[in-house]
Amino acid sequence: MVSATDVRAVVLGRERPDTIRAGLIAVGLFVVALVSSSATYLLSVSVGGPFQYLLVVVGIGFAVVYGYRNGGLLVCWTLVSAPTAGTLAFYTWLTAREETAPVALPLSFHGHGAVAFWVPAVLTFGTLAFALGVITRRMASTV
């Protein structure tokens, strides 16, 4: 029988300090993504695009680590979604200010439909990162 403690551990993680630390990392990733996307747009720097995707990959990496450390599924979703949400927050604001905004291409942060693409992608990446962390932990404990 599954207890409420087991469900809480799967969703939020076993260690409260680790959950808080992961939340702080997620806030940091959100702020870096928001500031860097606005700075690269305002300065017209072309390296901003790859940097935004690098932040998403870093978030996925943190999610795998916290999945390995019993971080919880919600923690992994938060770590993956934070850099994406920061970038989307800026570009959604920018799109709302434009008279005619483009339709977003797949893997694009700018344009109508970008949020509709990234929400299921983030949930999928977060779930896969959590599963990869858990599988790695299980394999390491059996060796």
C-alpha atoms as a PDB file:
ATOM      1  CA  MET A   1       0.000   0.000   0.000  1.00  0.00           C
ATOM      2  CA  VAL A   2       1.258   3.457  -0.882  1.00  0.00           C
ATOM      3  CA  SER A   3       1.351   5.921   1.975  1.00  0.00           C
ATOM      4  CA  ALA A   4       1.012   9.695   1.846  1.00  0.00           C
ATOM      5  CA  THR A   5       4.682   9.980   2.788  1.00  0.00           C
ATOM      6  CA  ASP A   6       5.686   7.931  -0.258  1.00  0.00           C
ATOM      7  CA  VAL A   7       3.581  10.092  -2.564  1.00  0.00           C
ATOM      8  CA  ARG A   8       5.053  13.253  -1.023  1.00  0.00           C
ATOM      9  CA  ALA A   9       8.573  11.864  -1.506  1.00  0.00           C
ATOM     10  CA  VAL A  10       7.924  11.115  -5.177  1.00  0.00           C
ATOM     11  CA  VAL A  11       6.402  14.540  -5.822  1.00  0.00           C
ATOM     12  CA  LEU A  12       8.475  16.845  -3.596  1.00  0.00           C
ATOM     13  CA  GLY A  13      11.488  14.746  -2.676  1.00  0.00           C
ATOM     14  CA  ARG A  14      12.693  13.213   0.554  1.00  0.00           C
ATOM     15  CA  GLU A  15      14.897  15.990   1.915  1.00  0.00           C
ATOM     16  CA  ARG A  16      13.366  19.421   2.509  1.00  0.00           C
ATOM     17  CA  PRO A  17      16.727  21.289   2.329  1.00  0.00           C
ATOM     18  CA  ASP A  18      17.402  19.723  -1.086  1.00  0.00           C
ATOM     19  CA  THR A  19      13.960  20.798  -2.284  1.00  0.00           C
ATOM     20  CA  ILE A  20      14.581  24.364  -1.107  1.00  0.00           C
ATOM     21  CA  ARG A  21      18.026  24.378  -2.731  1.00  0.00           C
ATOM     22  CA  ALA A  22      16.521  23.165  -6.007  1.00  0.00           C
ATOM     23  CA  GLY A  23      13.917  25.923  -5.799  1.00  0.00           C
ATOM     24  CA  LEU A  24      16.637  28.522  -5.368  1.00  0.00           C
ATOM     25  CA  ILE A  25      18.514  27.092  -8.357  1.00  0.00           C
ATOM     26  CA  ALA A  26      15.299  27.282 -10.387  1.00  0.00           C
ATOM     27  CA  VAL A  27      14.783  30.923  -9.408  1.00  0.00           C
ATOM     28  CA  GLY A  28      18.368  31.660 -10.426  1.00  0.00           C
ATOM     29  CA  LEU A  29      17.886  29.958 -13.797  1.00  0.00           C
ATOM     30  CA  PHE A  30      14.659  31.924 -14.341  1.00  0.00           C
ATOM     31  CA  VAL A  31      16.337  35.247 -13.587  1.00  0.00           C
ATOM     32  CA  VAL A  32      19.386  34.485 -15.748  1.00  0.00           C
ATOM     33  CA  ALA A  33      17.139  33.448 -18.649  1.00  0.00           C
ATOM     34  CA  LEU A  34      14.942  36.531 -18.299  1.00  0.00           C
ATOM     35  CA  VAL A  35      17.851  38.961 -18.047  1.00  0.00           C
ATOM     36  CA  SER A  36      19.905  37.326 -20.791  1.00  0.00           C
ATOM     37  CA  SER A  37      17.015  37.141 -23.249  1.00  0.00           C
ATOM     38  CA  SER A  38      16.140  40.790 -22.709  1.00  0.00           C
ATOM     39  CA  ALA A  39      19.802  41.864 -22.866  1.00  0.00           C
ATOM     40  CA  THR A  40      20.493  39.968 -26.076  1.00  0.00           C
ATOM     41  CA  TYR A  41      17.364  41.425 -27.665  1.00  0.00           C
ATOM     42  CA  LEU A  42      18.140  44.985 -26.599  1.00  0.00           C
ATOM     43  CA  LEU A  43      21.792  44.745 -27.625  1.00  0.00           C
ATOM     44  CA  SER A  44      21.007  42.792 -30.820  1.00  0.00           C
ATOM     45  CA  VAL A  45      23.566  40.156 -29.903  1.00  0.00           C
ATOM     46  CA  SER A  46      23.244  37.002 -31.968  1.00  0.00           C
ATOM     47  CA  VAL A  47      24.738  34.675 -29.349  1.00  0.00           C
ATOM     48  CA  GLY A  48      21.616  34.981 -27.194  1.00  0.00           C
ATOM     49  CA  GLY A  49      19.720  32.255 -29.037  1.00  0.00           C
ATOM     50  CA  PRO A  50      22.135  29.404 -28.341  1.00  0.00           C
ATOM     51  CA  PHE A  51      22.581  30.635 -24.763  1.00  0.00           C
ATOM     52  CA  GLN A  52      18.830  30.307 -24.119  1.00  0.00           C
ATOM     53  CA  TYR A  53      18.895  26.692 -25.272  1.00  0.00           C
ATOM     54  CA  LEU A  54      22.015  26.077 -23.186  1.00  0.00           C
ATOM     55  CA  LEU A  55      20.090  27.254 -20.115  1.00  0.00           C
ATOM     56  CA  VAL A  56      17.341  24.736 -20.898  1.00  0.00           C
ATOM     57  CA  VAL A  57      19.957  21.968 -21.139  1.00  0.00           C
ATOM     58  CA  VAL A  58      21.490  23.121 -17.829  1.00  0.00           C
ATOM     59  CA  GLY A  59      18.029  22.934 -16.253  1.00  0.00           C
ATOM     60  CA  ILE A  60      17.630  19.389 -17.573  1.00  0.00           C
ATOM     61  CA  GLY A  61      21.047  18.506 -16.134  1.00  0.00           C
ATOM     62  CA  PHE A  62      20.066  19.834 -12.714  1.00  0.00           C
ATOM     63  CA  ALA A  63      16.813  17.864 -12.950  1.00  0.00           C
ATOM     64  CA  VAL A  64      18.716  14.626 -13.607  1.00  0.00           C
ATOM     65  CA  VAL A  65      20.949  15.312 -10.602  1.00  0.00           C
ATOM     66  CA  TYR A  66      17.985  16.013  -8.339  1.00  0.00           C
ATOM     67  CA  GLY A  67      16.159  12.950  -9.674  1.00  0.00           C
ATOM     68  CA  TYR A  68      19.225  10.948  -8.669  1.00  0.00           C
ATOM     69  CA  ARG A  69      19.220  12.563  -5.215  1.00  0.00           C
ATOM     70  CA  ASN A  70      15.506  11.761  -4.571  1.00  0.00           C
ATOM     71  CA  GLY A  71      14.509  15.290  -5.511  1.00  0.00           C
ATOM     72  CA  GLY A  72      10.981  14.536  -6.637  1.00  0.00           C
ATOM     73  CA  LEU A  73       9.082  14.913  -9.878  1.00  0.00           C
ATOM     74  CA  LEU A  74       7.789  18.415  -9.133  1.00  0.00           C
ATOM     75  CA  VAL A  75      11.328  19.543  -8.343  1.00  0.00           C
ATOM     76  CA  CYS A  76      12.543  18.202 -11.700  1.00  0.00           C
ATOM     77  CA  TRP A  77       9.690  19.907 -13.558  1.00  0.00           C
ATOM     78  CA  THR A  78      10.541  23.167 -11.809  1.00  0.00           C
ATOM     79  CA  LEU A  79      14.230  22.940 -12.692  1.00  0.00           C
ATOM     80  CA  VAL A  80      13.480  22.264 -16.354  1.00  0.00           C
ATOM     81  CA  SER A  81      10.704  24.843 -16.646  1.00  0.00           C
ATOM     82  CA  ALA A  82      12.493  27.750 -14.944  1.00  0.00           C
ATOM     83  CA  PRO A  83      14.877  28.750 -17.770  1.00  0.00           C
ATOM     84  CA  THR A  84      12.152  28.143 -20.334  1.00  0.00           C
ATOM     85  CA  ALA A  85       9.668  30.255 -18.384  1.00  0.00           C
ATOM     86  CA  GLY A  86      12.172  33.086 -18.032  1.00  0.00           C
ATOM     87  CA  THR A  87      12.815  33.217 -21.753  1.00  0.00           C
ATOM     88  CA  LEU A  88       9.144  32.800 -22.631  1.00  0.00           C
ATOM     89  CA  ALA A  89       8.170  35.546 -20.185  1.00  0.00           C
ATOM     90  CA  PHE A  90      10.293  38.064 -22.053  1.00  0.00           C
ATOM     91  CA  TYR A  91       9.288  36.967 -25.539  1.00  0.00           C
ATOM     92  CA  THR A  92       5.593  36.752 -24.607  1.00  0.00           C
ATOM     93  CA  TRP A  93       5.804  40.315 -23.346  1.00  0.00           C
ATOM     94  CA  LEU A  94       7.586  41.303 -26.545  1.00  0.00           C
ATOM     95  CA  THR A  95       5.032  39.524 -28.748  1.00  0.00           C
ATOM     96  CA  ALA A  96       2.148  41.243 -26.943  1.00  0.00           C
ATOM     97  CA  ARG A  97       3.675  44.642 -27.740  1.00  0.00           C
ATOM     98  CA  GLU A  98       4.093  43.955 -31.462  1.00  0.00           C
ATOM     99  CA  GLU A  99       1.306  44.760 -33.897  1.00  0.00           C
ATOM    100  CA  THR A 100       1.951  41.656 -35.962  1.00  0.00           C
ATOM    101  CA  ALA A 101       3.918  38.906 -34.309  1.00  0.00           C
ATOM    102  CA  PRO A 102       5.222  35.896 -36.197  1.00  0.00           C
ATOM    103  CA  VAL A 103       3.975  32.389 -35.704  1.00  0.00           C
ATOM    104  CA  ALA A 104       6.481  30.475 -33.594  1.00  0.00           C
ATOM    105  CA  LEU A 105       8.434  27.715 -35.232  1.00  0.00           C
ATOM    106  CA  PRO A 106       9.125  24.500 -33.279  1.00  0.00           C
ATOM    107  CA  LEU A 107      11.829  25.061 -30.634  1.00  0.00           C
ATOM    108  CA  SER A 108      11.349  28.825 -30.974  1.00  0.00           C
ATOM    109  CA  PHE A 109      10.768  31.113 -28.008  1.00  0.00           C
ATOM    110  CA  HIS A 110       9.415  34.059 -30.018  1.00  0.00           C
ATOM    111  CA  GLY A 111       5.999  34.254 -31.647  1.00  0.00           C
ATOM    112  CA  HIS A 112       2.459  33.056 -31.219  1.00  0.00           C
ATOM    113  CA  GLY A 113       2.329  29.418 -30.185  1.00  0.00           C
ATOM    114  CA  ALA A 114       5.711  29.243 -28.459  1.00  0.00           C
ATOM    115  CA  VAL A 115       4.143  28.634 -25.053  1.00  0.00           C
ATOM    116  CA  ALA A 116       1.870  25.947 -26.504  1.00  0.00           C
ATOM    117  CA  PHE A 117       4.958  24.140 -27.784  1.00  0.00           C
ATOM    118  CA  TRP A 118       7.147  24.524 -24.704  1.00  0.00           C
ATOM    119  CA  VAL A 119       4.667  23.497 -21.966  1.00  0.00           C
ATOM    120  CA  PRO A 120       4.369  19.836 -23.036  1.00  0.00           C
ATOM    121  CA  ALA A 121       8.050  19.794 -24.019  1.00  0.00           C
ATOM    122  CA  VAL A 122       9.083  20.967 -20.543  1.00  0.00           C
ATOM    123  CA  LEU A 123       6.828  18.423 -18.834  1.00  0.00           C
ATOM    124  CA  THR A 124       8.254  15.668 -21.030  1.00  0.00           C
ATOM    125  CA  PHE A 125      11.873  16.740 -20.480  1.00  0.00           C
ATOM    126  CA  GLY A 126      11.308  17.038 -16.718  1.00  0.00           C
ATOM    127  CA  THR A 127       9.711  13.605 -16.505  1.00  0.00           C
ATOM    128  CA  LEU A 128      12.471  12.008 -18.565  1.00  0.00           C
ATOM    129  CA  ALA A 129      15.152  13.741 -16.474  1.00  0.00           C
ATOM    130  CA  PHE A 130      13.507  12.499 -13.272  1.00  0.00           C
ATOM    131  CA  ALA A 131      13.253   8.968 -14.684  1.00  0.00           C
ATOM    132  CA  LEU A 132      16.882   9.026 -15.815  1.00  0.00           C
ATOM    133  CA  GLY A 133      18.005  10.166 -12.361  1.00  0.00           C
ATOM    134  CA  VAL A 134      15.941   7.485 -10.612  1.00  0.00           C
ATOM    135  CA  ILE A 135      17.127   4.734 -12.969  1.00  0.00           C
ATOM    136  CA  THR A 136      20.743   5.809 -12.482  1.00  0.00           C
ATOM    137  CA  ARG A 137      20.309   5.781  -8.694  1.00  0.00           C
ATOM    138  CA  ARG A 138      18.732   2.317  -8.793  1.00  0.00           C
ATOM    139  CA  MET A 139      21.479   0.943 -11.005  1.00  0.00           C
ATOM    140  CA  ALA A 140      24.178   2.470  -8.792  1.00  0.00           C
ATOM    141  CA  SER A 141      22.634   0.967  -5.653  1.00  0.00           C
ATOM    142  CA  THR A 142      22.550  -2.552  -7.122  1.00  0.00           C
ATOM    143  CA  VAL A 143      26.215  -2.525  -8.146  1.00  0.00           C
END
